[in-house]
Amino acid sequence: MANMTVKISADSDVMQELEDLVNEQNLHYVFITGGRGKLKDIAIVSHGMDSSINKIKLAGPCELLTVSGKIEKGKERTNTNIRVILKGADGNKAGDGQLVSAKVFDDLELDLRHVDTKKIIIG
């Protein structure tokens, strides 16, 4: 396993930058273990206690309180699943759920851990 911190510049598309990273570095399985920064133009899907599914759009800027997830590069496409909890400018929780899309408001840092799937023993 290799740890790395990725810096993503302002106005960049978060999902596209992560997909580009795994393709350029030929990474097949990456965990997102943490991060710092603010997002804007955010779309998340939130699952309620009553089994409801809510699509939430936030203009931002919203600060990342927590971020975790995984990026898995398949043969035909990259599967990205990122969970976030966001704080609004007023200091209150703005939203939480699966990140669908977002742009970086100012610099964003994400802590990643690459897992070499060839070294995983099954059985």
N, C-alpha and C. Protein backbone atom coordinates (compact mmCIF):
# COMPACT_ATOMS: atom_id res chain seq x y z
N MET A 1 0.84 -1.18 0.00
CA MET A 1 0.00 0.00 0.00
C MET A 1 0.88 1.24 0.00
N ALA A 2 0.44 2.24 -0.73
CA ALA A 2 1.17 3.50 -0.80
C ALA A 2 0.22 4.64 -0.47
N ASN A 3 0.66 5.52 0.42
CA ASN A 3 -0.13 6.69 0.79
C ASN A 3 0.33 7.89 -0.02
N MET A 4 -0.62 8.77 -0.35
CA MET A 4 -0.29 9.99 -1.08
C MET A 4 -1.34 11.06 -0.76
N THR A 5 -0.94 12.31 -0.89
CA THR A 5 -1.86 13.43 -0.77
C THR A 5 -1.93 14.11 -2.13
N VAL A 6 -3.14 14.29 -2.62
CA VAL A 6 -3.35 14.90 -3.93
C VAL A 6 -3.91 16.29 -3.73
N LYS A 7 -3.33 17.27 -4.40
CA LYS A 7 -3.83 18.64 -4.35
C LYS A 7 -4.58 18.94 -5.65
N ILE A 8 -5.80 19.43 -5.50
CA ILE A 8 -6.62 19.76 -6.67
C ILE A 8 -6.89 21.26 -6.63
N SER A 9 -6.65 21.93 -7.75
CA SER A 9 -6.73 23.39 -7.83
C SER A 9 -8.16 23.91 -7.91
N ALA A 10 -8.30 25.18 -7.59
CA ALA A 10 -9.60 25.86 -7.63
C ALA A 10 -10.26 25.71 -8.99
N ASP A 11 -11.57 25.57 -8.99
CA ASP A 11 -12.43 25.46 -10.17
C ASP A 11 -12.32 24.13 -10.91
N SER A 12 -11.50 23.21 -10.41
CA SER A 12 -11.38 21.90 -11.04
C SER A 12 -12.56 21.02 -10.65
N ASP A 13 -12.94 20.12 -11.56
CA ASP A 13 -13.98 19.13 -11.31
C ASP A 13 -13.36 17.99 -10.50
N VAL A 14 -13.85 17.78 -9.29
CA VAL A 14 -13.27 16.81 -8.37
C VAL A 14 -13.28 15.40 -8.97
N MET A 15 -14.43 14.96 -9.46
CA MET A 15 -14.56 13.59 -9.98
C MET A 15 -13.65 13.37 -11.20
N GLN A 16 -13.59 14.35 -12.08
CA GLN A 16 -12.76 14.22 -13.28
C GLN A 16 -11.28 14.17 -12.91
N GLU A 17 -10.86 15.00 -11.96
CA GLU A 17 -9.46 15.01 -11.53
C GLU A 17 -9.06 13.66 -10.93
N LEU A 18 -9.94 13.07 -10.14
CA LEU A 18 -9.64 11.77 -9.54
C LEU A 18 -9.59 10.67 -10.59
N GLU A 19 -10.51 10.71 -11.55
CA GLU A 19 -10.49 9.73 -12.63
C GLU A 19 -9.22 9.87 -13.46
N ASP A 20 -8.83 11.11 -13.76
CA ASP A 20 -7.59 11.34 -14.51
C ASP A 20 -6.39 10.81 -13.75
N LEU A 21 -6.37 11.02 -12.43
CA LEU A 21 -5.25 10.55 -11.61
C LEU A 21 -5.09 9.04 -11.68
N VAL A 22 -6.18 8.29 -11.48
CA VAL A 22 -6.06 6.83 -11.50
C VAL A 22 -5.67 6.32 -12.88
N ASN A 23 -6.12 6.99 -13.93
CA ASN A 23 -5.74 6.58 -15.28
C ASN A 23 -4.28 6.90 -15.57
N GLU A 24 -3.83 8.10 -15.21
CA GLU A 24 -2.44 8.50 -15.47
C GLU A 24 -1.44 7.67 -14.67
N GLN A 25 -1.79 7.37 -13.41
CA GLN A 25 -0.88 6.63 -12.53
C GLN A 25 -1.09 5.11 -12.59
N ASN A 26 -2.07 4.68 -13.39
CA ASN A 26 -2.43 3.26 -13.53
C ASN A 26 -2.72 2.62 -12.17
N LEU A 27 -3.54 3.31 -11.38
CA LEU A 27 -3.96 2.83 -10.07
C LEU A 27 -5.28 2.10 -10.23
N HIS A 28 -5.40 0.92 -9.66
CA HIS A 28 -6.61 0.13 -9.85
C HIS A 28 -7.58 0.20 -8.68
N TYR A 29 -7.06 0.43 -7.46
CA TYR A 29 -7.94 0.49 -6.29
C TYR A 29 -7.35 1.49 -5.31
N VAL A 30 -8.12 2.54 -5.02
CA VAL A 30 -7.65 3.61 -4.16
C VAL A 30 -8.71 3.92 -3.11
N PHE A 31 -8.28 4.02 -1.85
CA PHE A 31 -9.17 4.48 -0.78
C PHE A 31 -8.94 5.96 -0.56
N ILE A 32 -10.01 6.70 -0.34
CA ILE A 32 -9.92 8.10 0.08
C ILE A 32 -10.06 8.08 1.60
N THR A 33 -9.02 8.49 2.31
CA THR A 33 -9.00 8.36 3.77
C THR A 33 -9.21 9.68 4.50
N GLY A 34 -9.19 10.80 3.80
CA GLY A 34 -9.41 12.09 4.44
C GLY A 34 -9.21 13.21 3.45
N GLY A 35 -9.46 14.44 3.91
CA GLY A 35 -9.28 15.58 3.03
C GLY A 35 -9.55 16.89 3.73
N ARG A 36 -9.11 17.96 3.08
CA ARG A 36 -9.27 19.32 3.58
C ARG A 36 -9.55 20.25 2.41
N GLY A 37 -10.46 21.20 2.63
CA GLY A 37 -10.74 22.18 1.61
C GLY A 37 -12.22 22.49 1.50
N LYS A 38 -12.55 23.29 0.48
CA LYS A 38 -13.93 23.70 0.26
C LYS A 38 -14.36 23.36 -1.16
N LEU A 39 -15.67 23.07 -1.28
CA LEU A 39 -16.26 22.72 -2.57
C LEU A 39 -17.35 23.71 -2.94
N LYS A 40 -17.69 23.75 -4.23
CA LYS A 40 -18.81 24.56 -4.73
C LYS A 40 -19.51 23.78 -5.83
N ASP A 41 -20.67 24.28 -6.26
CA ASP A 41 -21.44 23.61 -7.32
C ASP A 41 -21.57 22.11 -7.03
N ILE A 42 -22.08 21.80 -5.86
CA ILE A 42 -22.07 20.45 -5.31
C ILE A 42 -23.41 19.75 -5.57
N ALA A 43 -23.34 18.49 -5.94
CA ALA A 43 -24.52 17.62 -6.02
C ALA A 43 -24.22 16.37 -5.21
N ILE A 44 -25.10 16.07 -4.25
CA ILE A 44 -24.96 14.86 -3.45
C ILE A 44 -26.29 14.12 -3.40
N VAL A 45 -26.20 12.83 -3.14
CA VAL A 45 -27.39 12.01 -2.91
C VAL A 45 -27.33 11.58 -1.46
N SER A 46 -28.40 11.87 -0.74
CA SER A 46 -28.48 11.57 0.68
C SER A 46 -29.58 10.55 0.93
N HIS A 47 -29.31 9.57 1.76
CA HIS A 47 -30.27 8.53 2.09
C HIS A 47 -30.81 8.79 3.49
N GLY A 48 -32.13 8.94 3.61
CA GLY A 48 -32.76 9.25 4.88
C GLY A 48 -33.03 8.01 5.71
N MET A 49 -33.32 8.25 6.99
CA MET A 49 -33.64 7.16 7.93
C MET A 49 -34.91 6.41 7.51
N ASP A 50 -35.78 7.09 6.77
CA ASP A 50 -37.05 6.49 6.34
C ASP A 50 -36.93 5.84 4.95
N SER A 51 -35.72 5.53 4.55
CA SER A 51 -35.41 4.92 3.24
C SER A 51 -35.62 5.87 2.07
N SER A 52 -35.78 7.16 2.35
CA SER A 52 -35.93 8.13 1.27
C SER A 52 -34.57 8.43 0.64
N ILE A 53 -34.61 8.86 -0.60
CA ILE A 53 -33.40 9.27 -1.32
C ILE A 53 -33.60 10.71 -1.75
N ASN A 54 -32.69 11.57 -1.32
CA ASN A 54 -32.80 13.00 -1.63
C ASN A 54 -31.61 13.44 -2.46
N LYS A 55 -31.90 14.12 -3.55
CA LYS A 55 -30.85 14.74 -4.35
C LYS A 55 -30.72 16.18 -3.88
N ILE A 56 -29.51 16.54 -3.45
CA ILE A 56 -29.27 17.87 -2.89
C ILE A 56 -28.25 18.60 -3.74
N LYS A 57 -28.57 19.85 -4.07
CA LYS A 57 -27.63 20.70 -4.79
C LYS A 57 -27.28 21.87 -3.88
N LEU A 58 -25.98 22.15 -3.76
CA LEU A 58 -25.48 23.24 -2.93
C LEU A 58 -24.56 24.11 -3.76
N ALA A 59 -24.78 25.43 -3.71
CA ALA A 59 -23.93 26.35 -4.46
C ALA A 59 -22.55 26.46 -3.82
N GLY A 60 -22.52 26.41 -2.47
CA GLY A 60 -21.26 26.53 -1.76
C GLY A 60 -20.84 27.96 -1.58
N PRO A 61 -19.70 28.21 -1.03
CA PRO A 61 -18.71 27.21 -0.67
C PRO A 61 -19.11 26.45 0.58
N CYS A 62 -18.77 25.17 0.58
CA CYS A 62 -18.99 24.29 1.74
C CYS A 62 -17.66 23.63 2.08
N GLU A 63 -17.38 23.59 3.37
CA GLU A 63 -16.14 22.99 3.85
C GLU A 63 -16.33 21.50 4.09
N LEU A 64 -15.32 20.71 3.73
CA LEU A 64 -15.35 19.28 4.00
C LEU A 64 -15.14 19.06 5.49
N LEU A 65 -16.11 18.45 6.14
CA LEU A 65 -15.92 18.02 7.53
C LEU A 65 -15.32 16.62 7.55
N THR A 66 -15.88 15.73 6.73
CA THR A 66 -15.31 14.39 6.55
C THR A 66 -15.46 13.98 5.10
N VAL A 67 -14.54 13.18 4.65
CA VAL A 67 -14.60 12.61 3.31
C VAL A 67 -13.97 11.22 3.37
N SER A 68 -14.62 10.26 2.72
CA SER A 68 -14.07 8.92 2.62
C SER A 68 -14.65 8.27 1.36
N GLY A 69 -14.01 7.22 0.93
CA GLY A 69 -14.54 6.55 -0.24
C GLY A 69 -13.52 5.68 -0.93
N LYS A 70 -13.86 5.32 -2.16
CA LYS A 70 -12.96 4.46 -2.95
C LYS A 70 -13.08 4.81 -4.42
N ILE A 71 -12.02 4.50 -5.13
CA ILE A 71 -11.99 4.63 -6.59
C ILE A 71 -11.49 3.30 -7.11
N GLU A 72 -12.28 2.68 -7.99
CA GLU A 72 -11.92 1.38 -8.52
C GLU A 72 -11.90 1.47 -10.05
N LYS A 73 -10.74 1.23 -10.62
CA LYS A 73 -10.59 1.30 -12.06
C LYS A 73 -10.90 -0.07 -12.67
N GLY A 74 -11.95 -0.11 -13.47
CA GLY A 74 -12.32 -1.34 -14.15
C GLY A 74 -11.79 -1.35 -15.57
N LYS A 75 -12.11 -2.40 -16.31
CA LYS A 75 -11.65 -2.51 -17.69
C LYS A 75 -12.33 -1.48 -18.58
N GLU A 76 -13.61 -1.21 -18.32
CA GLU A 76 -14.36 -0.31 -19.19
C GLU A 76 -14.62 1.06 -18.59
N ARG A 77 -14.67 1.16 -17.24
CA ARG A 77 -14.94 2.45 -16.63
C ARG A 77 -14.38 2.50 -15.22
N THR A 78 -14.30 3.69 -14.67
CA THR A 78 -13.84 3.89 -13.31
C THR A 78 -15.04 4.12 -12.41
N ASN A 79 -15.12 3.38 -11.31
CA ASN A 79 -16.21 3.50 -10.35
C ASN A 79 -15.71 4.31 -9.16
N THR A 80 -16.33 5.46 -8.94
CA THR A 80 -15.94 6.34 -7.84
C THR A 80 -17.10 6.48 -6.88
N ASN A 81 -16.84 6.20 -5.60
CA ASN A 81 -17.85 6.32 -4.56
C ASN A 81 -17.25 7.13 -3.42
N ILE A 82 -17.71 8.35 -3.27
CA ILE A 82 -17.18 9.26 -2.26
C ILE A 82 -18.31 9.72 -1.35
N ARG A 83 -18.11 9.59 -0.04
CA ARG A 83 -19.08 10.06 0.95
C ARG A 83 -18.52 11.30 1.63
N VAL A 84 -19.38 12.30 1.79
CA VAL A 84 -18.94 13.56 2.41
C VAL A 84 -19.93 14.04 3.46
N ILE A 85 -19.43 14.80 4.41
CA ILE A 85 -20.24 15.62 5.29
C ILE A 85 -19.69 17.03 5.12
N LEU A 86 -20.60 17.97 4.83
CA LEU A 86 -20.21 19.33 4.48
C LEU A 86 -20.75 20.35 5.47
N LYS A 87 -19.94 21.39 5.72
CA LYS A 87 -20.35 22.49 6.58
C LYS A 87 -20.53 23.73 5.72
N GLY A 88 -21.65 24.42 5.93
CA GLY A 88 -21.94 25.64 5.18
C GLY A 88 -21.21 26.85 5.75
N ALA A 89 -21.34 27.97 5.07
CA ALA A 89 -20.69 29.22 5.49
C ALA A 89 -21.19 29.69 6.85
N ASP A 90 -22.41 29.30 7.23
CA ASP A 90 -22.97 29.70 8.53
C ASP A 90 -22.46 28.83 9.68
N GLY A 91 -21.63 27.84 9.38
CA GLY A 91 -21.08 26.97 10.41
C GLY A 91 -21.90 25.74 10.71
N ASN A 92 -23.08 25.63 10.12
CA ASN A 92 -23.95 24.47 10.32
C ASN A 92 -23.73 23.43 9.24
N LYS A 93 -24.14 22.19 9.53
CA LYS A 93 -24.04 21.13 8.52
C LYS A 93 -24.90 21.50 7.33
N ALA A 94 -24.29 21.47 6.14
CA ALA A 94 -25.00 21.82 4.91
C ALA A 94 -25.58 20.61 4.22
N GLY A 95 -24.94 19.46 4.40
CA GLY A 95 -25.42 18.25 3.75
C GLY A 95 -24.46 17.10 3.95
N ASP A 96 -24.96 15.90 3.72
CA ASP A 96 -24.11 14.72 3.77
C ASP A 96 -24.67 13.68 2.81
N GLY A 97 -23.79 12.85 2.29
CA GLY A 97 -24.22 11.80 1.37
C GLY A 97 -23.14 11.45 0.37
N GLN A 98 -23.56 10.82 -0.71
CA GLN A 98 -22.64 10.41 -1.76
C GLN A 98 -22.44 11.57 -2.72
N LEU A 99 -21.18 11.91 -2.95
CA LEU A 99 -20.84 13.01 -3.84
C LEU A 99 -21.07 12.58 -5.29
N VAL A 100 -21.90 13.33 -6.00
CA VAL A 100 -22.17 13.06 -7.40
C VAL A 100 -21.28 13.94 -8.28
N SER A 101 -21.19 15.21 -7.89
CA SER A 101 -20.33 16.14 -8.63
C SER A 101 -20.00 17.32 -7.73
N ALA A 102 -18.88 17.97 -8.02
CA ALA A 102 -18.48 19.17 -7.28
C ALA A 102 -17.26 19.78 -7.95
N LYS A 103 -17.11 21.07 -7.75
CA LYS A 103 -15.90 21.77 -8.17
C LYS A 103 -15.19 22.27 -6.92
N VAL A 104 -13.90 22.46 -7.05
CA VAL A 104 -13.09 22.93 -5.94
C VAL A 104 -13.28 24.44 -5.81
N PHE A 105 -13.59 24.92 -4.60
CA PHE A 105 -13.75 26.35 -4.36
C PHE A 105 -12.38 27.01 -4.26
N ASP A 106 -11.55 26.51 -3.39
CA ASP A 106 -10.14 26.89 -3.33
C ASP A 106 -9.37 25.58 -3.34
N ASP A 107 -8.12 25.58 -3.02
CA ASP A 107 -7.36 24.34 -3.10
C ASP A 107 -7.97 23.25 -2.23
N LEU A 108 -7.96 22.02 -2.74
CA LEU A 108 -8.48 20.86 -2.06
C LEU A 108 -7.36 19.83 -1.94
N GLU A 109 -7.22 19.24 -0.76
CA GLU A 109 -6.26 18.17 -0.56
C GLU A 109 -7.02 16.91 -0.17
N LEU A 110 -6.71 15.80 -0.84
CA LEU A 110 -7.31 14.52 -0.51
C LEU A 110 -6.21 13.53 -0.17
N ASP A 111 -6.39 12.81 0.93
CA ASP A 111 -5.45 11.77 1.34
C ASP A 111 -5.91 10.45 0.75
N LEU A 112 -5.02 9.80 0.01
CA LEU A 112 -5.35 8.57 -0.69
C LEU A 112 -4.44 7.44 -0.26
N ARG A 113 -4.95 6.22 -0.34
CA ARG A 113 -4.15 5.03 -0.10
C ARG A 113 -4.37 4.08 -1.26
N HIS A 114 -3.30 3.81 -2.00
CA HIS A 114 -3.37 2.90 -3.13
C HIS A 114 -3.16 1.47 -2.64
N VAL A 115 -4.03 0.56 -3.06
CA VAL A 115 -3.92 -0.85 -2.70
C VAL A 115 -3.56 -1.63 -3.96
N ASP A 116 -2.47 -2.37 -3.88
CA ASP A 116 -2.06 -3.21 -5.00
C ASP A 116 -2.87 -4.50 -4.95
N THR A 117 -3.90 -4.58 -5.77
CA THR A 117 -4.81 -5.72 -5.74
C THR A 117 -4.13 -7.04 -6.15
N LYS A 118 -2.99 -6.97 -6.79
CA LYS A 118 -2.27 -8.19 -7.17
C LYS A 118 -1.69 -8.89 -5.95
N LYS A 119 -1.54 -8.14 -4.85
CA LYS A 119 -0.95 -8.71 -3.64
C LYS A 119 -2.00 -9.20 -2.65
N ILE A 120 -3.27 -9.09 -3.00
CA ILE A 120 -4.33 -9.56 -2.12
C ILE A 120 -4.49 -11.07 -2.28
N ILE A 121 -4.49 -11.77 -1.17
CA ILE A 121 -4.64 -13.23 -1.20
C ILE A 121 -6.09 -13.56 -0.90
N ILE A 122 -6.71 -14.30 -1.78
CA ILE A 122 -8.12 -14.69 -1.61
C ILE A 122 -8.17 -16.18 -1.31
N GLY A 123 -8.95 -16.53 -0.30
CA GLY A 123 -9.16 -17.94 -0.06
C GLY A 123 -8.68 -18.34 1.24
